[in-house]
């Protein structure tokens, strides 16, 4: 039995890999057609409608606007956590460099 993988399950040298996405070319053409057909004015009008609906209480419209502008809750929470970690890393670096009022004698 011929296999394209070694004993660890990794692909062997010379393996051609998978066929890829057979629809990628068609999807690319469709996206290009959409981008060509939709103007900046169209996008602005769509956004205005979303805002109007959100103001009238349409939760789906409100969620779409907020997700696209503020970000999903997990994303904003993640950004806050990254910023907090960066602050801690800066403090650790400052201590290592003799900062933060530490007494480091050479």
N, C-alpha and C. Protein backbone atom coordinates (compact mmCIF):
# COMPACT_ATOMS: atom_id res chain seq x y z
N UNK A 1 0.83 -1.17 0.00
CA UNK A 1 0.00 0.00 0.00
C UNK A 1 0.88 1.25 0.00
N UNK A 2 0.75 2.10 -1.04
CA UNK A 2 1.54 3.32 -1.17
C UNK A 2 0.85 4.44 -0.40
N UNK A 3 1.64 5.19 0.35
CA UNK A 3 1.09 6.31 1.12
C UNK A 3 1.92 7.56 0.87
N UNK A 4 1.27 8.69 0.99
CA UNK A 4 1.95 9.98 0.79
C UNK A 4 2.45 10.56 2.10
N UNK A 5 2.35 9.76 3.19
CA UNK A 5 2.76 10.24 4.51
C UNK A 5 3.82 9.32 5.10
N UNK A 6 4.65 9.88 5.97
CA UNK A 6 5.67 9.07 6.64
C UNK A 6 5.07 8.44 7.90
N UNK A 7 5.89 7.78 8.69
CA UNK A 7 5.41 7.07 9.87
C UNK A 7 4.86 8.02 10.95
N UNK A 8 5.21 9.30 10.87
CA UNK A 8 4.70 10.30 11.82
C UNK A 8 3.45 11.01 11.30
N UNK A 9 2.98 10.63 10.13
CA UNK A 9 1.79 11.23 9.56
C UNK A 9 2.02 12.48 8.75
N UNK A 10 3.29 12.87 8.59
CA UNK A 10 3.61 14.06 7.80
C UNK A 10 3.68 13.70 6.33
N UNK A 11 3.37 14.67 5.47
CA UNK A 11 3.49 14.42 4.04
C UNK A 11 4.95 14.21 3.69
N UNK A 12 5.19 13.30 2.78
CA UNK A 12 6.56 13.00 2.36
C UNK A 12 7.01 13.97 1.29
N UNK A 13 8.32 14.02 1.07
CA UNK A 13 8.90 14.91 0.08
C UNK A 13 8.36 14.55 -1.31
N UNK A 14 8.04 15.57 -2.09
CA UNK A 14 7.55 15.36 -3.44
C UNK A 14 6.04 15.18 -3.52
N UNK A 15 5.36 15.21 -2.37
CA UNK A 15 3.91 15.07 -2.37
C UNK A 15 3.30 16.30 -3.00
N UNK A 16 2.40 16.09 -3.93
CA UNK A 16 1.79 17.21 -4.66
C UNK A 16 0.78 17.97 -3.82
N UNK A 17 0.37 17.43 -2.69
CA UNK A 17 -0.61 18.10 -1.84
C UNK A 17 -2.01 17.90 -2.38
N UNK A 18 -2.93 18.63 -1.79
CA UNK A 18 -4.33 18.50 -2.18
C UNK A 18 -4.63 19.28 -3.44
N UNK A 19 -5.85 19.12 -3.95
CA UNK A 19 -6.23 19.80 -5.19
C UNK A 19 -6.51 21.27 -5.00
N UNK A 20 -6.57 21.74 -3.76
CA UNK A 20 -6.92 23.14 -3.51
C UNK A 20 -8.41 23.34 -3.61
N UNK A 21 -8.83 24.57 -3.68
CA UNK A 21 -10.25 24.88 -3.76
C UNK A 21 -10.65 24.97 -5.23
N UNK A 22 -11.44 24.03 -5.71
CA UNK A 22 -11.79 24.05 -7.14
C UNK A 22 -12.67 25.24 -7.54
N UNK A 23 -13.27 25.90 -6.55
CA UNK A 23 -14.16 27.03 -6.84
C UNK A 23 -13.49 28.38 -6.64
N UNK A 24 -12.24 28.40 -6.25
CA UNK A 24 -11.57 29.66 -5.92
C UNK A 24 -11.57 30.64 -7.09
N UNK A 25 -11.31 30.17 -8.28
CA UNK A 25 -11.29 31.04 -9.45
C UNK A 25 -12.65 31.67 -9.72
N UNK A 26 -13.70 30.85 -9.61
CA UNK A 26 -15.05 31.35 -9.84
C UNK A 26 -15.44 32.36 -8.77
N UNK A 27 -15.11 32.06 -7.51
CA UNK A 27 -15.42 32.99 -6.41
C UNK A 27 -14.68 34.30 -6.62
N UNK A 28 -13.45 34.24 -7.05
CA UNK A 28 -12.67 35.44 -7.31
C UNK A 28 -13.33 36.30 -8.40
N UNK A 29 -13.81 35.66 -9.45
CA UNK A 29 -14.48 36.39 -10.53
C UNK A 29 -15.78 37.03 -10.03
N UNK A 30 -16.53 36.30 -9.19
CA UNK A 30 -17.78 36.85 -8.65
C UNK A 30 -17.51 38.04 -7.74
N UNK A 31 -16.48 37.94 -6.90
CA UNK A 31 -16.14 39.06 -6.03
C UNK A 31 -15.74 40.28 -6.85
N UNK A 32 -14.97 40.06 -7.90
CA UNK A 32 -14.55 41.17 -8.76
C UNK A 32 -15.77 41.82 -9.41
N UNK A 33 -16.74 41.02 -9.84
CA UNK A 33 -17.96 41.56 -10.45
C UNK A 33 -18.76 42.37 -9.44
N UNK A 34 -18.84 41.89 -8.21
CA UNK A 34 -19.56 42.62 -7.17
C UNK A 34 -18.87 43.95 -6.89
N UNK A 35 -17.55 43.92 -6.74
CA UNK A 35 -16.81 45.15 -6.46
C UNK A 35 -16.97 46.16 -7.59
N UNK A 36 -17.07 45.65 -8.81
CA UNK A 36 -17.25 46.53 -9.95
C UNK A 36 -18.65 47.14 -9.97
N UNK A 37 -19.64 46.37 -9.53
CA UNK A 37 -21.03 46.81 -9.59
C UNK A 37 -21.43 47.72 -8.45
N UNK A 38 -20.78 47.59 -7.29
CA UNK A 38 -21.17 48.36 -6.10
C UNK A 38 -20.31 49.61 -5.99
N UNK A 39 -20.97 50.74 -5.91
CA UNK A 39 -20.25 52.01 -5.79
C UNK A 39 -20.13 52.42 -4.33
N UNK A 40 -19.30 53.41 -4.08
CA UNK A 40 -19.16 53.96 -2.74
C UNK A 40 -20.50 54.55 -2.28
N UNK A 41 -21.25 55.12 -3.21
CA UNK A 41 -22.56 55.67 -2.87
C UNK A 41 -23.51 54.56 -2.45
N UNK A 42 -23.43 53.39 -3.12
CA UNK A 42 -24.27 52.25 -2.74
C UNK A 42 -23.96 51.81 -1.30
N UNK A 43 -22.68 51.72 -0.98
CA UNK A 43 -22.28 51.31 0.36
C UNK A 43 -22.76 52.32 1.39
N UNK A 44 -22.62 53.61 1.09
CA UNK A 44 -23.08 54.65 2.01
C UNK A 44 -24.58 54.55 2.23
N UNK A 45 -25.35 54.29 1.18
CA UNK A 45 -26.81 54.18 1.30
C UNK A 45 -27.18 52.96 2.14
N UNK A 46 -26.47 51.87 1.97
CA UNK A 46 -26.72 50.66 2.76
C UNK A 46 -26.44 50.92 4.23
N UNK A 47 -25.32 51.57 4.50
CA UNK A 47 -24.96 51.89 5.88
C UNK A 47 -25.99 52.82 6.50
N UNK A 48 -26.45 53.82 5.74
CA UNK A 48 -27.49 54.72 6.25
C UNK A 48 -28.75 53.96 6.63
N UNK A 49 -29.14 52.99 5.80
CA UNK A 49 -30.31 52.17 6.11
C UNK A 49 -30.10 51.33 7.37
N UNK A 50 -28.90 50.76 7.50
CA UNK A 50 -28.60 49.98 8.71
C UNK A 50 -28.69 50.86 9.95
N UNK A 51 -28.14 52.06 9.88
CA UNK A 51 -28.18 52.98 11.02
C UNK A 51 -29.63 53.35 11.34
N UNK A 52 -30.42 53.65 10.31
CA UNK A 52 -31.83 54.01 10.52
C UNK A 52 -32.56 52.86 11.21
N UNK A 53 -32.37 51.64 10.73
CA UNK A 53 -33.04 50.49 11.32
C UNK A 53 -32.56 50.25 12.76
N UNK A 54 -31.27 50.41 12.99
CA UNK A 54 -30.74 50.23 14.34
C UNK A 54 -31.36 51.24 15.30
N UNK A 55 -31.51 52.47 14.86
CA UNK A 55 -32.12 53.51 15.70
C UNK A 55 -33.59 53.22 15.99
N UNK A 56 -34.23 52.48 15.08
CA UNK A 56 -35.64 52.14 15.27
C UNK A 56 -35.81 50.86 16.10
N UNK A 57 -34.70 50.30 16.55
CA UNK A 57 -34.78 49.14 17.43
C UNK A 57 -34.49 47.79 16.79
N UNK A 58 -34.09 47.78 15.52
CA UNK A 58 -33.75 46.52 14.85
C UNK A 58 -32.43 46.01 15.43
N UNK A 59 -32.51 44.97 16.26
CA UNK A 59 -31.32 44.47 16.94
C UNK A 59 -30.29 43.88 15.97
N UNK A 60 -30.75 43.25 14.90
CA UNK A 60 -29.80 42.69 13.92
C UNK A 60 -29.00 43.81 13.26
N UNK A 61 -29.67 44.90 12.93
CA UNK A 61 -28.98 46.05 12.31
C UNK A 61 -28.02 46.68 13.32
N UNK A 62 -28.47 46.81 14.56
CA UNK A 62 -27.61 47.39 15.60
C UNK A 62 -26.37 46.52 15.81
N UNK A 63 -26.58 45.21 15.88
CA UNK A 63 -25.46 44.29 16.08
C UNK A 63 -24.46 44.39 14.91
N UNK A 64 -24.98 44.47 13.70
CA UNK A 64 -24.10 44.58 12.52
C UNK A 64 -23.27 45.85 12.58
N UNK A 65 -23.91 46.97 12.87
CA UNK A 65 -23.18 48.25 12.95
C UNK A 65 -22.13 48.18 14.06
N UNK A 66 -22.52 47.72 15.24
CA UNK A 66 -21.58 47.67 16.36
C UNK A 66 -20.45 46.67 16.12
N UNK A 67 -20.77 45.52 15.57
CA UNK A 67 -19.72 44.53 15.28
C UNK A 67 -18.69 45.09 14.30
N UNK A 68 -19.17 45.84 13.32
CA UNK A 68 -18.27 46.37 12.29
C UNK A 68 -17.50 47.60 12.73
N UNK A 69 -18.00 48.30 13.75
CA UNK A 69 -17.31 49.52 14.18
C UNK A 69 -16.56 49.33 15.49
N UNK A 70 -17.23 48.81 16.51
CA UNK A 70 -16.61 48.63 17.82
C UNK A 70 -15.90 47.28 17.90
N UNK A 71 -16.42 46.31 17.20
CA UNK A 71 -15.87 44.96 17.24
C UNK A 71 -16.73 44.07 18.13
N UNK A 72 -16.63 42.80 17.91
CA UNK A 72 -17.38 41.85 18.71
C UNK A 72 -16.85 41.88 20.13
N UNK A 73 -17.68 41.57 21.12
CA UNK A 73 -17.25 41.64 22.51
C UNK A 73 -15.96 40.88 22.79
N UNK A 74 -15.81 39.69 22.26
CA UNK A 74 -14.58 38.92 22.52
C UNK A 74 -13.37 39.64 21.95
N UNK A 75 -13.53 40.29 20.81
CA UNK A 75 -12.41 41.00 20.20
C UNK A 75 -11.99 42.19 21.06
N UNK A 76 -12.95 42.98 21.52
CA UNK A 76 -12.58 44.15 22.31
C UNK A 76 -11.98 43.70 23.64
N UNK A 77 -12.51 42.64 24.24
CA UNK A 77 -11.95 42.10 25.47
C UNK A 77 -10.53 41.62 25.22
N UNK A 78 -10.30 40.99 24.10
CA UNK A 78 -8.97 40.50 23.76
C UNK A 78 -8.00 41.66 23.64
N UNK A 79 -8.42 42.74 23.01
CA UNK A 79 -7.54 43.91 22.86
C UNK A 79 -7.19 44.49 24.22
N UNK A 80 -8.17 44.55 25.13
CA UNK A 80 -7.90 45.05 26.48
C UNK A 80 -6.89 44.16 27.19
N UNK A 81 -7.03 42.85 27.05
CA UNK A 81 -6.11 41.92 27.70
C UNK A 81 -4.71 42.05 27.12
N UNK A 82 -4.61 42.23 25.80
CA UNK A 82 -3.30 42.40 25.16
C UNK A 82 -2.64 43.67 25.68
N UNK A 83 -3.41 44.76 25.77
CA UNK A 83 -2.85 46.02 26.28
C UNK A 83 -2.37 45.87 27.71
N UNK A 84 -3.13 45.15 28.54
CA UNK A 84 -2.73 44.93 29.93
C UNK A 84 -1.44 44.11 29.98
N UNK A 85 -1.34 43.09 29.14
CA UNK A 85 -0.12 42.27 29.10
C UNK A 85 1.07 43.09 28.63
N UNK A 86 0.85 43.98 27.67
CA UNK A 86 1.94 44.84 27.20
C UNK A 86 2.42 45.77 28.30
N UNK A 87 1.49 46.26 29.13
CA UNK A 87 1.87 47.12 30.25
C UNK A 87 2.69 46.35 31.27
N UNK A 88 2.28 45.12 31.56
CA UNK A 88 3.02 44.28 32.50
C UNK A 88 4.41 43.99 31.93
N UNK A 89 4.48 43.67 30.65
CA UNK A 89 5.77 43.38 30.03
C UNK A 89 6.68 44.60 30.10
N UNK A 90 6.13 45.80 29.90
CA UNK A 90 6.93 47.02 29.99
C UNK A 90 7.44 47.23 31.41
N UNK A 91 6.60 46.92 32.41
CA UNK A 91 7.01 47.05 33.80
C UNK A 91 8.12 46.06 34.14
N UNK A 92 7.97 44.83 33.66
CA UNK A 92 9.00 43.81 33.90
C UNK A 92 10.31 44.23 33.25
N UNK A 93 10.22 44.76 32.04
CA UNK A 93 11.42 45.23 31.33
C UNK A 93 12.07 46.37 32.10
N UNK A 94 11.23 47.29 32.63
CA UNK A 94 11.77 48.43 33.39
C UNK A 94 12.49 47.95 34.64
N UNK A 95 11.92 46.96 35.32
CA UNK A 95 12.57 46.41 36.51
C UNK A 95 13.89 45.76 36.12
N UNK A 96 13.88 45.04 35.02
CA UNK A 96 15.11 44.39 34.55
C UNK A 96 16.17 45.38 34.14
N UNK A 97 15.75 46.56 33.72
CA UNK A 97 16.69 47.61 33.30
C UNK A 97 17.09 48.51 34.47
N UNK A 98 16.61 48.18 35.68
CA UNK A 98 16.94 48.98 36.85
C UNK A 98 15.99 50.13 37.07
N UNK A 99 14.85 50.14 36.41
CA UNK A 99 13.90 51.22 36.56
C UNK A 99 12.94 50.96 37.71
N UNK A 100 11.89 51.73 37.79
CA UNK A 100 10.86 51.66 38.81
C UNK A 100 11.41 51.83 40.22
N UNK A 101 12.45 52.62 40.36
CA UNK A 101 12.97 52.97 41.69
C UNK A 101 13.73 51.86 42.36
N UNK A 102 14.08 50.84 41.65
CA UNK A 102 14.83 49.74 42.26
C UNK A 102 16.26 50.15 42.52
N UNK A 103 16.83 49.60 43.57
CA UNK A 103 18.23 49.88 43.91
C UNK A 103 19.08 48.75 43.38
N UNK A 104 19.70 48.99 42.26
CA UNK A 104 20.58 47.97 41.66
C UNK A 104 21.99 48.51 41.65
N UNK A 105 22.84 47.92 42.45
CA UNK A 105 24.25 48.37 42.49
C UNK A 105 25.08 47.50 41.58
N UNK A 106 26.01 48.13 40.89
CA UNK A 106 26.88 47.37 39.99
C UNK A 106 28.15 47.01 40.66
